N, C-alpha and C. Protein backbone atom coordinates (compact mmCIF):
# COMPACT_ATOMS: atom_id res chain seq x y z
N MET A 1 37.70 36.57 -34.95
CA MET A 1 36.44 35.88 -35.06
C MET A 1 36.09 35.40 -33.39
N GLU A 2 36.83 34.31 -33.17
CA GLU A 2 36.47 33.44 -31.54
C GLU A 2 36.16 34.92 -30.24
N LYS A 3 37.06 36.26 -30.43
CA LYS A 3 37.20 36.94 -30.12
C LYS A 3 35.93 37.78 -30.03
N LYS A 4 35.25 38.04 -31.29
CA LYS A 4 34.15 38.53 -30.94
C LYS A 4 32.53 37.29 -30.36
N ALA A 5 32.87 36.14 -30.79
CA ALA A 5 31.72 35.04 -30.69
C ALA A 5 32.00 35.31 -28.69
N PHE A 6 33.51 35.49 -28.57
CA PHE A 6 33.46 35.36 -26.76
C PHE A 6 32.38 37.07 -26.14
N VAL A 7 32.84 37.79 -26.85
CA VAL A 7 32.34 38.98 -25.88
C VAL A 7 31.02 39.01 -26.21
N ILE A 8 29.68 39.06 -27.71
CA ILE A 8 28.97 38.29 -27.79
C ILE A 8 28.08 37.61 -26.20
N THR A 9 29.23 36.37 -26.31
CA THR A 9 28.48 34.81 -25.01
C THR A 9 28.77 35.81 -23.62
N VAL A 10 29.57 36.50 -23.76
CA VAL A 10 29.79 37.76 -22.36
C VAL A 10 28.49 38.46 -21.70
N LEU A 11 28.35 39.28 -23.23
CA LEU A 11 27.57 40.33 -23.34
C LEU A 11 25.81 39.74 -22.66
N LEU A 12 25.43 38.75 -23.52
CA LEU A 12 23.94 37.74 -23.21
C LEU A 12 24.43 37.24 -21.86
N LEU A 13 25.48 37.08 -21.16
CA LEU A 13 25.06 36.19 -20.19
C LEU A 13 24.98 37.49 -19.23
N ALA A 14 25.71 38.74 -19.27
CA ALA A 14 25.02 39.87 -18.74
C ALA A 14 23.67 39.97 -18.36
N ALA A 15 23.63 39.97 -19.63
CA ALA A 15 21.65 40.67 -20.33
C ALA A 15 21.28 39.60 -19.25
N ALA A 16 21.34 38.62 -19.28
CA ALA A 16 20.93 37.29 -18.81
C ALA A 16 20.78 37.90 -17.36
N LEU A 17 21.89 37.95 -16.43
CA LEU A 17 22.34 37.91 -15.03
C LEU A 17 21.33 38.99 -14.68
N LEU A 18 21.58 40.29 -15.37
CA LEU A 18 20.71 41.46 -15.21
C LEU A 18 19.07 41.36 -15.47
N ALA A 19 18.11 40.82 -16.14
CA ALA A 19 17.23 40.81 -16.22
C ALA A 19 16.97 39.40 -15.13
N ALA A 20 17.32 38.15 -14.65
CA ALA A 20 17.10 37.51 -13.64
C ALA A 20 17.50 38.12 -12.43
N GLY A 21 18.10 39.17 -12.94
CA GLY A 21 18.06 39.90 -10.96
C GLY A 21 17.06 41.28 -10.74
N ALA A 22 16.46 41.53 -12.35
CA ALA A 22 15.64 42.15 -12.13
C ALA A 22 13.99 42.02 -12.18
N ILE A 23 13.51 40.57 -12.51
CA ILE A 23 12.48 39.74 -12.33
C ILE A 23 12.70 39.12 -10.93
N ALA A 24 14.08 39.37 -9.94
CA ALA A 24 14.32 38.41 -8.53
C ALA A 24 14.02 39.39 -7.64
N ALA A 25 14.00 41.35 -7.96
CA ALA A 25 13.43 42.03 -6.76
C ALA A 25 12.36 42.69 -7.25
N ARG A 26 11.75 41.99 -8.45
CA ARG A 26 9.76 42.79 -8.31
C ARG A 26 9.33 41.54 -7.06
N LYS A 27 8.16 42.60 -6.85
CA LYS A 27 7.68 41.94 -5.23
C LYS A 27 6.92 41.13 -5.97
N ALA A 28 6.23 40.10 -5.19
CA ALA A 28 5.67 39.20 -6.29
C ALA A 28 4.22 39.08 -5.49
N PRO A 29 3.20 39.05 -6.81
CA PRO A 29 1.64 39.90 -6.06
C PRO A 29 1.58 38.61 -4.93
N GLU A 30 0.29 38.72 -4.08
CA GLU A 30 0.04 38.26 -3.15
C GLU A 30 -1.87 37.47 -3.77
N VAL A 31 -2.23 36.99 -3.54
CA VAL A 31 -3.61 36.31 -3.48
C VAL A 31 -4.26 36.71 -2.54
N VAL A 32 -5.15 37.59 -3.23
CA VAL A 32 -6.64 38.78 -2.37
C VAL A 32 -8.14 38.23 -2.63
N ARG A 33 -7.88 36.79 -3.41
CA ARG A 33 -9.35 36.00 -3.63
C ARG A 33 -9.23 34.82 -4.42
N THR A 34 -9.13 33.81 -3.28
CA THR A 34 -8.88 32.37 -3.97
C THR A 34 -9.84 31.68 -4.69
N ASN A 35 -11.10 32.28 -4.29
CA ASN A 35 -12.09 31.88 -5.41
C ASN A 35 -12.86 30.13 -5.25
N LEU A 36 -12.04 29.13 -5.57
CA LEU A 36 -12.12 28.33 -6.04
C LEU A 36 -12.70 27.37 -4.64
N GLU A 37 -13.50 27.58 -4.06
CA GLU A 37 -13.94 27.21 -2.66
C GLU A 37 -15.44 27.34 -3.13
N ASN A 38 -15.35 28.51 -4.37
CA ASN A 38 -17.17 28.59 -4.47
C ASN A 38 -17.76 28.10 -6.05
N ILE A 39 -16.61 27.22 -6.51
CA ILE A 39 -16.66 25.94 -7.35
C ILE A 39 -18.17 25.54 -7.45
N PRO A 40 -18.90 25.01 -8.00
CA PRO A 40 -20.25 24.34 -7.96
C PRO A 40 -20.23 23.48 -7.09
N LEU A 41 -21.47 23.08 -6.12
CA LEU A 41 -21.55 21.79 -5.72
C LEU A 41 -22.71 20.45 -6.38
N GLN A 42 -22.86 21.30 -7.53
CA GLN A 42 -23.63 20.37 -9.03
C GLN A 42 -22.98 20.73 -9.91
N ILE A 43 -22.30 19.76 -10.46
CA ILE A 43 -21.79 19.65 -11.53
C ILE A 43 -22.01 18.34 -12.53
N GLY A 44 -23.04 18.53 -13.25
CA GLY A 44 -23.39 17.67 -14.09
C GLY A 44 -24.43 17.12 -13.15
N ARG A 45 -24.53 15.40 -13.31
CA ARG A 45 -25.40 14.95 -12.63
C ARG A 45 -24.13 14.43 -11.31
N TYR A 46 -23.62 15.41 -11.22
CA TYR A 46 -22.79 15.12 -9.76
C TYR A 46 -23.05 16.10 -8.88
N LYS A 47 -23.67 15.65 -7.41
CA LYS A 47 -23.70 16.76 -6.44
C LYS A 47 -22.21 17.06 -5.20
N GLY A 48 -22.11 17.87 -5.19
CA GLY A 48 -20.89 17.40 -4.19
C GLY A 48 -21.30 17.55 -2.75
N THR A 49 -20.52 17.25 -1.91
CA THR A 49 -19.93 17.49 -0.33
C THR A 49 -18.82 17.95 -0.45
N ASN A 50 -18.25 19.19 0.58
CA ASN A 50 -17.18 19.32 1.09
C ASN A 50 -16.82 18.38 2.39
N ASP A 51 -15.91 17.91 2.28
CA ASP A 51 -14.51 17.56 3.12
C ASP A 51 -13.29 17.64 3.47
N VAL A 52 -13.59 17.98 4.62
CA VAL A 52 -11.07 17.90 5.23
C VAL A 52 -10.47 16.76 5.34
N PHE A 53 -9.35 17.23 5.01
CA PHE A 53 -8.26 16.40 5.69
C PHE A 53 -7.54 16.51 7.10
N ASP A 54 -7.12 15.55 7.86
CA ASP A 54 -6.28 16.06 9.06
C ASP A 54 -5.18 17.68 8.99
N GLN A 55 -5.13 18.15 9.83
CA GLN A 55 -4.58 19.73 9.90
C GLN A 55 -3.45 19.25 9.40
N ALA A 56 -2.47 17.68 9.87
CA ALA A 56 -1.21 18.05 9.75
C ALA A 56 -0.61 17.39 7.77
N VAL A 57 -1.93 17.55 7.62
CA VAL A 57 -2.54 17.54 6.07
C VAL A 57 -2.14 18.64 5.55
N TYR A 58 -2.48 19.48 5.90
CA TYR A 58 -3.15 20.88 5.34
C TYR A 58 -1.11 21.44 5.67
N ASP A 59 -1.43 21.02 6.73
CA ASP A 59 0.09 21.86 7.21
C ASP A 59 1.69 21.53 6.52
N GLU A 60 1.11 20.39 5.86
CA GLU A 60 2.03 19.84 4.96
C GLU A 60 2.31 20.42 3.50
N LEU A 61 0.77 20.44 2.97
CA LEU A 61 0.51 20.46 2.26
C LEU A 61 0.86 22.32 1.61
N ASN A 62 0.76 23.34 2.19
CA ASN A 62 0.74 24.22 2.60
C ASN A 62 0.38 25.22 1.40
N ALA A 63 -1.15 24.81 1.10
CA ALA A 63 -1.58 25.57 -0.43
C ALA A 63 -1.88 27.09 0.15
N ASP A 64 -2.41 27.53 -0.78
CA ASP A 64 -3.02 28.61 -0.27
C ASP A 64 -4.37 28.75 -0.30
N ARG A 65 -4.85 27.39 -1.18
CA ARG A 65 -6.49 27.33 -1.42
C ARG A 65 -6.37 25.33 -1.46
N ASP A 66 -7.04 24.97 -0.76
CA ASP A 66 -6.87 23.71 -0.71
C ASP A 66 -9.09 23.44 -0.89
N VAL A 67 -9.32 22.55 -2.32
CA VAL A 67 -10.87 22.44 -2.72
C VAL A 67 -10.56 20.36 -2.54
N TYR A 68 -11.47 20.08 -1.47
CA TYR A 68 -11.37 18.79 -1.39
C TYR A 68 -12.91 18.45 -1.05
N ARG A 69 -13.67 17.11 -2.04
CA ARG A 69 -14.73 16.42 -2.61
C ARG A 69 -15.06 15.57 -2.67
N HIS A 70 -16.51 15.79 -2.46
CA HIS A 70 -16.96 14.02 -2.73
C HIS A 70 -18.24 14.61 -4.05
N TYR A 71 -18.26 14.07 -4.74
CA TYR A 71 -19.48 14.16 -5.66
C TYR A 71 -19.86 13.27 -5.80
N ARG A 72 -21.47 12.70 -5.49
CA ARG A 72 -22.09 11.91 -6.28
C ARG A 72 -23.08 12.07 -7.11
N SER A 73 -23.12 10.61 -7.98
CA SER A 73 -23.88 10.49 -8.66
C SER A 73 -25.07 9.90 -8.45
N PRO A 74 -26.34 10.38 -8.65
CA PRO A 74 -27.91 9.54 -8.35
C PRO A 74 -27.61 8.05 -8.46
N ASP A 75 -27.31 7.61 -8.79
CA ASP A 75 -27.13 5.87 -8.70
C ASP A 75 -25.54 5.55 -7.22
N GLY A 76 -25.20 6.73 -6.84
CA GLY A 76 -24.28 6.18 -5.92
C GLY A 76 -22.51 6.34 -6.55
N ARG A 77 -22.63 6.30 -8.05
CA ARG A 77 -21.01 6.69 -7.98
C ARG A 77 -20.37 7.45 -7.45
N VAL A 78 -19.09 8.13 -7.19
CA VAL A 78 -18.78 9.00 -6.04
C VAL A 78 -17.38 9.15 -6.77
N ILE A 79 -16.96 10.51 -7.10
CA ILE A 79 -16.10 11.40 -7.71
C ILE A 79 -15.19 11.91 -6.46
N ASP A 80 -14.08 11.68 -6.24
CA ASP A 80 -13.07 12.39 -5.79
C ASP A 80 -13.16 14.07 -6.30
N LEU A 81 -12.56 14.56 -5.59
CA LEU A 81 -12.25 15.88 -6.28
C LEU A 81 -11.38 17.38 -5.37
N TYR A 82 -9.95 17.05 -5.72
CA TYR A 82 -8.69 17.47 -4.90
C TYR A 82 -8.41 18.01 -5.78
N ILE A 83 -8.10 19.89 -5.25
CA ILE A 83 -7.75 20.84 -6.07
C ILE A 83 -6.65 21.78 -5.04
N GLY A 84 -5.32 21.77 -5.29
CA GLY A 84 -4.15 22.20 -4.08
C GLY A 84 -3.78 23.41 -5.19
N TYR A 85 -4.19 25.24 -4.35
CA TYR A 85 -3.69 25.91 -5.35
C TYR A 85 -2.66 27.16 -4.48
N TYR A 86 -1.80 27.07 -4.98
CA TYR A 86 -0.54 27.71 -4.99
C TYR A 86 -0.17 29.17 -5.67
N GLY A 87 -0.18 30.86 -4.40
CA GLY A 87 -0.28 31.56 -5.51
C GLY A 87 1.67 32.05 -5.75
N THR A 88 1.46 32.78 -6.86
CA THR A 88 3.45 33.28 -6.98
C THR A 88 3.98 33.29 -5.73
N ALA A 89 3.55 33.97 -4.80
CA ALA A 89 4.77 33.80 -3.80
C ALA A 89 4.88 32.31 -3.20
N LYS A 90 4.26 31.46 -3.15
CA LYS A 90 4.18 30.33 -2.65
C LYS A 90 5.21 29.29 -4.10
N GLY A 91 5.42 29.87 -5.17
CA GLY A 91 5.78 29.04 -5.98
C GLY A 91 5.03 28.96 -6.98
N GLY A 92 4.16 28.50 -6.93
CA GLY A 92 2.94 27.97 -8.25
C GLY A 92 2.71 26.52 -8.22
N ARG A 93 3.43 26.31 -7.03
CA ARG A 93 2.95 24.59 -7.06
C ARG A 93 3.43 23.54 -5.85
N THR A 94 2.92 22.52 -6.35
CA THR A 94 3.54 21.51 -4.95
C THR A 94 4.27 20.68 -4.60
N GLY A 95 5.23 20.08 -4.01
CA GLY A 95 6.13 19.18 -4.25
C GLY A 95 5.72 18.27 -3.63
N HIS A 96 4.55 17.79 -4.29
CA HIS A 96 3.71 16.74 -3.92
C HIS A 96 3.09 16.11 -4.74
N ASN A 97 3.36 14.88 -5.13
CA ASN A 97 2.21 14.35 -6.45
C ASN A 97 2.06 12.53 -6.09
N PRO A 98 1.44 12.01 -7.09
CA PRO A 98 0.50 10.56 -6.93
C PRO A 98 1.47 9.84 -6.49
N TYR A 99 2.59 9.93 -7.76
CA TYR A 99 3.54 9.40 -7.55
C TYR A 99 4.83 8.49 -6.66
N ALA A 100 4.29 9.35 -5.47
CA ALA A 100 5.54 9.25 -4.10
C ALA A 100 3.81 9.31 -3.39
N CYS A 101 3.08 10.17 -2.84
CA CYS A 101 2.03 9.70 -2.38
C CYS A 101 1.44 8.50 -2.20
N LEU A 102 0.81 7.95 -3.31
CA LEU A 102 -0.34 6.85 -3.18
C LEU A 102 0.67 5.83 -2.69
N PRO A 103 1.89 5.68 -3.30
CA PRO A 103 2.53 4.60 -3.17
C PRO A 103 2.95 3.90 -1.42
N ALA A 104 3.12 5.86 -1.21
CA ALA A 104 3.66 5.78 0.33
C ALA A 104 2.48 5.67 1.11
N ALA A 105 1.17 5.56 0.69
CA ALA A 105 0.29 5.17 1.14
C ALA A 105 -0.78 3.75 1.27
N GLY A 106 0.58 2.76 0.30
CA GLY A 106 0.29 1.53 0.18
C GLY A 106 -0.55 1.39 -1.04
N TRP A 107 -0.52 2.40 -1.96
CA TRP A 107 -1.57 2.38 -3.44
C TRP A 107 -0.42 1.75 -4.13
N ALA A 108 -0.72 0.49 -5.17
CA ALA A 108 0.49 0.23 -6.38
C ALA A 108 0.14 0.71 -7.88
N ILE A 109 1.06 1.25 -7.80
CA ILE A 109 0.42 1.97 -9.12
C ILE A 109 1.24 0.66 -10.68
N VAL A 110 -0.43 1.08 -10.85
CA VAL A 110 -0.39 -0.11 -12.32
C VAL A 110 -0.46 0.23 -13.64
N ALA A 111 -0.86 0.91 -14.01
CA ALA A 111 -1.07 1.85 -14.91
C ALA A 111 -0.90 3.03 -15.05
N ASP A 112 -0.30 3.24 -16.08
CA ASP A 112 -0.03 5.11 -16.27
C ASP A 112 0.82 5.76 -17.57
N LYS A 113 -0.17 6.78 -17.98
CA LYS A 113 0.12 7.29 -19.45
C LYS A 113 -0.45 8.76 -18.89
N LYS A 114 0.30 9.02 -20.00
CA LYS A 114 -0.77 10.41 -20.47
C LYS A 114 -2.02 10.44 -21.47
N ILE A 115 -2.78 11.20 -21.37
CA ILE A 115 -4.55 11.11 -22.18
C ILE A 115 -4.41 12.17 -22.97
N ARG A 116 -4.70 12.41 -24.09
CA ARG A 116 -5.33 13.56 -24.74
C ARG A 116 -7.00 14.32 -24.30
N ILE A 117 -7.50 15.12 -23.93
CA ILE A 117 -8.57 15.59 -23.48
C ILE A 117 -8.65 16.81 -23.97
N TYR A 118 -10.58 17.11 -24.18
CA TYR A 118 -10.93 17.88 -25.09
C TYR A 118 -10.48 18.88 -23.68
N THR A 119 -10.19 20.46 -23.84
CA THR A 119 -11.00 21.52 -22.69
C THR A 119 -11.23 22.46 -23.25
N GLY A 120 -11.88 22.66 -24.83
CA GLY A 120 -11.89 23.79 -24.65
C GLY A 120 -10.92 24.78 -24.92
N TYR A 121 -9.88 25.02 -24.37
CA TYR A 121 -8.87 25.82 -24.23
C TYR A 121 -8.20 26.57 -25.83
N THR A 122 -7.23 27.13 -25.75
CA THR A 122 -6.20 27.48 -26.72
C THR A 122 -6.24 26.49 -27.26
N ASP A 123 -5.40 25.66 -28.02
CA ASP A 123 -5.88 24.19 -28.82
C ASP A 123 -7.27 23.29 -28.68
N GLY A 124 -7.84 23.35 -27.79
CA GLY A 124 -9.24 23.06 -27.78
C GLY A 124 -8.37 21.45 -27.54
N HIS A 125 -7.31 20.61 -27.33
CA HIS A 125 -6.54 19.64 -26.13
C HIS A 125 -5.73 20.07 -25.98
N ASP A 126 -5.51 19.03 -24.77
CA ASP A 126 -4.39 19.00 -24.05
C ASP A 126 -3.84 17.40 -22.71
N HIS A 127 -2.96 17.53 -22.70
CA HIS A 127 -2.56 16.13 -22.37
C HIS A 127 -2.59 16.13 -20.65
N ILE A 128 -3.39 15.41 -20.10
CA ILE A 128 -3.29 15.12 -18.69
C ILE A 128 -2.78 13.84 -18.33
N ASN A 129 -2.61 13.57 -17.06
CA ASN A 129 -2.33 11.85 -16.81
C ASN A 129 -3.41 11.27 -16.27
N TYR A 130 -3.60 10.04 -16.73
CA TYR A 130 -3.82 9.13 -16.55
C TYR A 130 -3.21 7.60 -15.46
N THR A 131 -3.57 7.62 -14.48
CA THR A 131 -2.91 6.83 -13.92
C THR A 131 -4.00 5.35 -12.96
N VAL A 132 -3.42 4.49 -12.60
CA VAL A 132 -4.45 3.53 -11.92
C VAL A 132 -3.87 3.07 -11.11
N THR A 133 -4.13 3.02 -9.87
CA THR A 133 -3.48 2.13 -8.88
C THR A 133 -4.01 1.02 -7.97
N ARG A 134 -3.30 0.18 -7.08
CA ARG A 134 -4.51 -1.12 -6.66
C ARG A 134 -4.05 -0.86 -4.95
N LYS A 135 -4.79 -1.35 -4.36
CA LYS A 135 -4.14 -1.70 -2.55
C LYS A 135 -5.61 -2.72 -2.17
N GLY A 136 -4.98 -4.26 -2.92
CA GLY A 136 -5.90 -5.01 -2.28
C GLY A 136 -6.91 -5.37 -3.26
N ARG A 137 -7.97 -5.71 -3.33
CA ARG A 137 -8.72 -5.75 -4.35
C ARG A 137 -9.75 -4.20 -5.01
N SER A 138 -9.12 -3.57 -3.86
CA SER A 138 -9.59 -2.08 -4.12
C SER A 138 -8.88 -1.51 -5.71
N TYR A 139 -9.70 -0.95 -6.61
CA TYR A 139 -8.46 -0.03 -7.90
C TYR A 139 -8.52 1.68 -7.27
N ASN A 140 -8.21 2.46 -7.66
CA ASN A 140 -8.27 3.62 -7.84
C ASN A 140 -7.82 4.54 -9.18
N VAL A 141 -9.09 4.59 -10.05
CA VAL A 141 -8.87 5.10 -11.03
C VAL A 141 -8.38 6.91 -10.69
N LEU A 142 -7.56 7.05 -11.48
CA LEU A 142 -6.99 9.28 -11.16
C LEU A 142 -6.92 9.44 -12.95
N LEU A 143 -7.56 11.45 -12.89
CA LEU A 143 -6.94 12.04 -14.25
C LEU A 143 -6.62 12.75 -13.14
N HIS A 144 -5.65 14.00 -13.13
CA HIS A 144 -4.88 14.54 -12.40
C HIS A 144 -3.49 15.73 -13.61
N TRP A 145 -3.92 16.38 -13.50
CA TRP A 145 -2.60 17.29 -13.98
C TRP A 145 -2.92 18.90 -13.55
N TYR A 146 -1.35 19.58 -13.73
CA TYR A 146 -1.35 20.98 -13.05
C TYR A 146 -1.78 21.90 -13.78
N GLN A 147 -2.53 23.41 -13.67
CA GLN A 147 -3.19 23.85 -14.27
C GLN A 147 -2.93 25.55 -13.87
N SER A 148 -2.05 26.55 -14.65
CA SER A 148 -1.95 27.60 -14.63
C SER A 148 -2.77 28.39 -14.98
N ALA A 149 -2.51 29.96 -14.85
CA ALA A 149 -3.30 30.71 -15.98
C ALA A 149 -4.45 30.90 -16.37
N GLU A 150 -5.07 30.26 -15.39
CA GLU A 150 -6.79 29.83 -16.14
C GLU A 150 -6.82 28.91 -16.61
N THR A 151 -5.84 29.06 -18.00
CA THR A 151 -6.58 27.68 -19.21
C THR A 151 -4.89 27.27 -19.37
N ALA A 152 -4.10 27.20 -19.03
CA ALA A 152 -2.77 26.39 -19.05
C ALA A 152 -2.81 24.92 -18.47
N VAL A 153 -2.83 23.75 -19.34
CA VAL A 153 -3.13 22.38 -18.47
C VAL A 153 -2.22 21.89 -18.73
N LEU A 154 -1.25 21.29 -17.89
CA LEU A 154 0.18 21.02 -17.42
C LEU A 154 0.39 19.60 -17.45
N ALA A 155 0.23 18.70 -18.38
CA ALA A 155 0.95 17.41 -17.34
C ALA A 155 1.96 17.27 -16.77
N SER A 156 3.12 17.47 -16.49
CA SER A 156 3.66 17.52 -15.86
C SER A 156 4.22 18.15 -15.28
N GLY A 157 5.18 18.57 -14.18
CA GLY A 157 5.65 19.50 -13.26
C GLY A 157 6.81 20.39 -13.96
N PHE A 158 7.33 19.69 -15.16
CA PHE A 158 8.45 20.29 -15.72
C PHE A 158 7.92 21.29 -16.18
N GLU A 159 6.54 20.49 -17.48
CA GLU A 159 6.09 22.00 -18.33
C GLU A 159 5.74 22.83 -17.29
N GLN A 160 5.33 22.56 -15.83
CA GLN A 160 4.55 23.51 -15.21
C GLN A 160 5.98 24.24 -15.01
N ASN A 161 7.12 24.21 -14.45
CA ASN A 161 8.03 24.86 -14.32
C ASN A 161 8.28 26.02 -15.26
N VAL A 162 8.50 25.47 -16.79
CA VAL A 162 8.48 26.32 -17.39
C VAL A 162 7.93 27.90 -17.97
N HIS A 163 6.56 26.73 -17.43
CA HIS A 163 5.39 27.80 -18.42
C HIS A 163 5.04 29.36 -16.89
N ARG A 164 5.36 28.61 -15.64
CA ARG A 164 5.72 29.75 -15.01
C ARG A 164 6.89 30.39 -14.62
N PHE A 165 7.49 30.01 -14.94
CA PHE A 165 9.04 30.82 -15.68
C PHE A 165 9.17 31.99 -16.90
N VAL A 166 8.35 31.37 -17.58
CA VAL A 166 7.97 32.54 -18.53
C VAL A 166 6.69 33.60 -18.00
N SER A 167 5.80 32.82 -17.49
CA SER A 167 4.53 33.98 -17.03
C SER A 167 5.68 34.97 -15.79
N ARG A 168 6.30 34.30 -15.21
CA ARG A 168 7.08 35.75 -14.14
C ARG A 168 7.99 36.00 -14.75
N VAL A 169 8.27 36.25 -16.17
CA VAL A 169 8.90 37.09 -16.69
C VAL A 169 8.01 38.40 -17.19
N LEU A 170 6.93 38.04 -18.26
CA LEU A 170 6.09 38.49 -18.80
C LEU A 170 5.39 39.09 -18.21
N GLU A 171 4.85 38.21 -17.22
CA GLU A 171 3.79 39.14 -16.57
C GLU A 171 3.54 39.42 -15.07
N ASN A 172 5.09 38.72 -14.03
CA ASN A 172 5.32 38.64 -12.72
C ASN A 172 4.10 37.44 -12.15
N ARG A 173 3.45 37.17 -12.47
CA ARG A 173 2.72 35.79 -12.03
C ARG A 173 3.35 34.59 -12.51
N SER A 174 3.66 33.87 -11.52
CA SER A 174 3.38 32.52 -11.76
C SER A 174 3.03 30.93 -10.47
N ASP A 175 1.60 31.31 -10.60
CA ASP A 175 0.34 30.32 -9.74
C ASP A 175 0.03 29.68 -9.92
N GLY A 176 -0.06 28.71 -9.74
CA GLY A 176 -0.92 27.83 -10.43
C GLY A 176 -1.48 26.37 -9.47
N ALA A 177 -1.84 25.45 -10.04
CA ALA A 177 -2.55 24.50 -9.69
C ALA A 177 -2.25 23.01 -9.19
N TYR A 178 -2.71 21.90 -8.68
CA TYR A 178 -2.58 20.32 -8.99
C TYR A 178 -3.77 20.17 -8.61
N ILE A 179 -4.37 19.56 -10.26
CA ILE A 179 -5.79 19.11 -9.80
C ILE A 179 -5.70 17.46 -9.60
N GLN A 180 -7.10 16.52 -9.54
CA GLN A 180 -7.34 15.67 -9.08
C GLN A 180 -8.32 14.98 -8.85
N VAL A 181 -8.31 14.32 -10.11
CA VAL A 181 -10.10 13.88 -10.24
C VAL A 181 -10.27 12.16 -9.97
N SER A 182 -10.58 11.73 -9.09
CA SER A 182 -10.33 10.00 -9.04
C SER A 182 -11.89 9.30 -7.90
N MET A 183 -11.64 7.78 -8.88
CA MET A 183 -12.52 7.41 -8.07
C MET A 183 -12.24 5.86 -7.94
N GLN A 184 -12.82 5.81 -6.82
CA GLN A 184 -12.56 3.85 -6.22
C GLN A 184 -13.60 2.71 -7.10
N VAL A 185 -13.16 1.89 -7.59
CA VAL A 185 -14.01 0.76 -7.68
C VAL A 185 -12.78 -0.62 -7.88
N GLU A 186 -13.75 -1.48 -8.47
CA GLU A 186 -13.05 -3.05 -8.26
C GLU A 186 -12.73 -3.02 -9.74
N LYS A 187 -11.68 -4.07 -10.51
CA LYS A 187 -11.32 -4.31 -11.19
C LYS A 187 -12.11 -4.21 -12.18
N ASP A 188 -13.34 -4.52 -12.64
CA ASP A 188 -14.44 -4.59 -13.73
C ASP A 188 -14.79 -3.07 -14.01
N GLY A 189 -14.66 -2.59 -13.15
CA GLY A 189 -15.11 -1.14 -13.10
C GLY A 189 -13.83 -0.22 -13.53
N ILE A 190 -13.11 -0.14 -13.80
CA ILE A 190 -12.22 0.43 -14.35
C ILE A 190 -12.45 1.19 -15.75
N GLY A 191 -13.02 0.44 -16.56
CA GLY A 191 -13.66 1.35 -18.25
C GLY A 191 -14.27 2.43 -17.64
N GLN A 192 -15.67 2.00 -17.05
CA GLN A 192 -16.55 2.82 -16.72
C GLN A 192 -16.18 3.81 -16.13
N ALA A 193 -15.08 4.25 -14.80
CA ALA A 193 -14.82 4.97 -14.27
C ALA A 193 -13.68 5.86 -14.79
N PHE A 194 -13.23 5.26 -15.88
CA PHE A 194 -12.63 6.94 -16.68
C PHE A 194 -13.20 7.10 -17.47
N GLY A 195 -14.49 6.85 -17.96
CA GLY A 195 -14.91 7.31 -19.14
C GLY A 195 -16.15 8.55 -17.90
N GLU A 196 -16.20 8.29 -16.81
CA GLU A 196 -17.20 8.82 -15.94
C GLU A 196 -16.48 10.21 -15.55
N LEU A 197 -15.42 9.79 -15.02
CA LEU A 197 -13.57 10.80 -15.16
C LEU A 197 -13.63 11.92 -15.97
N ARG A 198 -12.79 11.46 -17.14
CA ARG A 198 -12.76 12.12 -18.75
C ARG A 198 -13.90 13.30 -18.70
N ALA A 199 -15.85 12.71 -18.55
CA ALA A 199 -16.26 13.44 -18.39
C ALA A 199 -16.48 14.65 -17.61
N PHE A 200 -16.67 13.96 -16.54
CA PHE A 200 -16.85 14.95 -15.74
C PHE A 200 -15.42 16.30 -15.51
N ALA A 201 -14.44 15.63 -15.70
CA ALA A 201 -12.99 16.73 -15.88
C ALA A 201 -13.37 17.84 -17.31
N GLN A 202 -13.72 17.40 -18.03
CA GLN A 202 -14.34 18.18 -19.16
C GLN A 202 -15.35 19.16 -18.43
N LYS A 203 -16.06 18.75 -17.74
CA LYS A 203 -16.93 19.73 -17.15
C LYS A 203 -16.20 20.80 -16.28
N LEU A 204 -15.21 19.77 -15.14
CA LEU A 204 -14.29 21.29 -15.08
C LEU A 204 -13.76 22.17 -15.36
N PHE A 205 -13.10 22.22 -16.29
CA PHE A 205 -12.84 22.52 -17.56
C PHE A 205 -13.29 24.04 -17.82
N VAL A 206 -14.56 23.83 -17.68
CA VAL A 206 -15.26 25.05 -18.88
C VAL A 206 -15.21 26.00 -17.38
N ILE A 207 -15.39 25.08 -16.06
CA ILE A 207 -15.83 25.96 -14.74
C ILE A 207 -14.83 26.67 -14.12
N LEU A 208 -13.67 25.94 -14.34
CA LEU A 208 -12.46 26.55 -13.99
C LEU A 208 -11.87 28.20 -13.73
N PRO A 209 -12.49 28.27 -15.12
CA PRO A 209 -11.67 29.85 -15.05
C PRO A 209 -12.46 31.22 -14.82
N ARG A 210 -13.58 30.21 -15.14
CA ARG A 210 -14.32 31.36 -13.67
C ARG A 210 -14.50 31.56 -12.37
N TYR A 211 -13.65 30.66 -11.45
CA TYR A 211 -13.25 30.83 -10.32
C TYR A 211 -11.89 30.50 -9.98
N TRP A 212 -11.17 31.12 -11.00
CA TRP A 212 -9.69 30.97 -10.59
C TRP A 212 -9.19 31.85 -9.73
N PRO A 213 -9.04 31.85 -8.87
CA PRO A 213 -7.72 32.79 -7.76
C PRO A 213 -7.27 34.37 -8.43
N VAL A 214 -7.92 35.58 -7.42
CA VAL A 214 -7.07 37.20 -8.58
C VAL A 214 -5.77 37.17 -7.22
N GLU A 215 -4.54 37.54 -7.98
CA GLU A 215 -4.01 38.03 -7.32
C GLU A 215 -3.43 39.24 -8.07
N LYS A 216 -2.94 40.16 -7.02
CA LYS A 216 -2.54 41.62 -7.12
C LYS A 216 -1.08 41.98 -6.15
């Protein structure tokens, strides 16, 4: 009985190694159209303007496409949008995240949790991250998540890694994006900022699949 179990284990291991080798040998698809730069500048009552980082930031992020915008409402409220997209050839995700980058820039994390939000995708609702940081008297309210395969919303890098692995095995594609919407306010504006960001993110979920990059 033990010998039979050992043989089965060896065969399964060999099959797994062969499968891994076959996957590694497949050529990763290339990004042929990024599309994300065509996301509308008008989202709900917010009108956006494009912005740019210093070149050193782009070199560090090393994304296939970055979208950095400021969306302003008629009453002067500003939502910052950042999307960093990574094709399959670049591993589908960035190594950067707000838990490292914001403290390094002097922002202390004062609140952090996962929230359920309506996306309208497969299960209707998904989990994303809600984070509040503080620098002096200013507060930065953020909603952020990873998104893959157009409509897969993932709250953590671990979840995205699992999804990327499965997608690479089944579809030879594991591209993905880090997405963040944020608003800087004073302490008494945190609640309103959260409501504005939540409504904006829900509109963004509708838009994103239409402008998801194409790989071949």
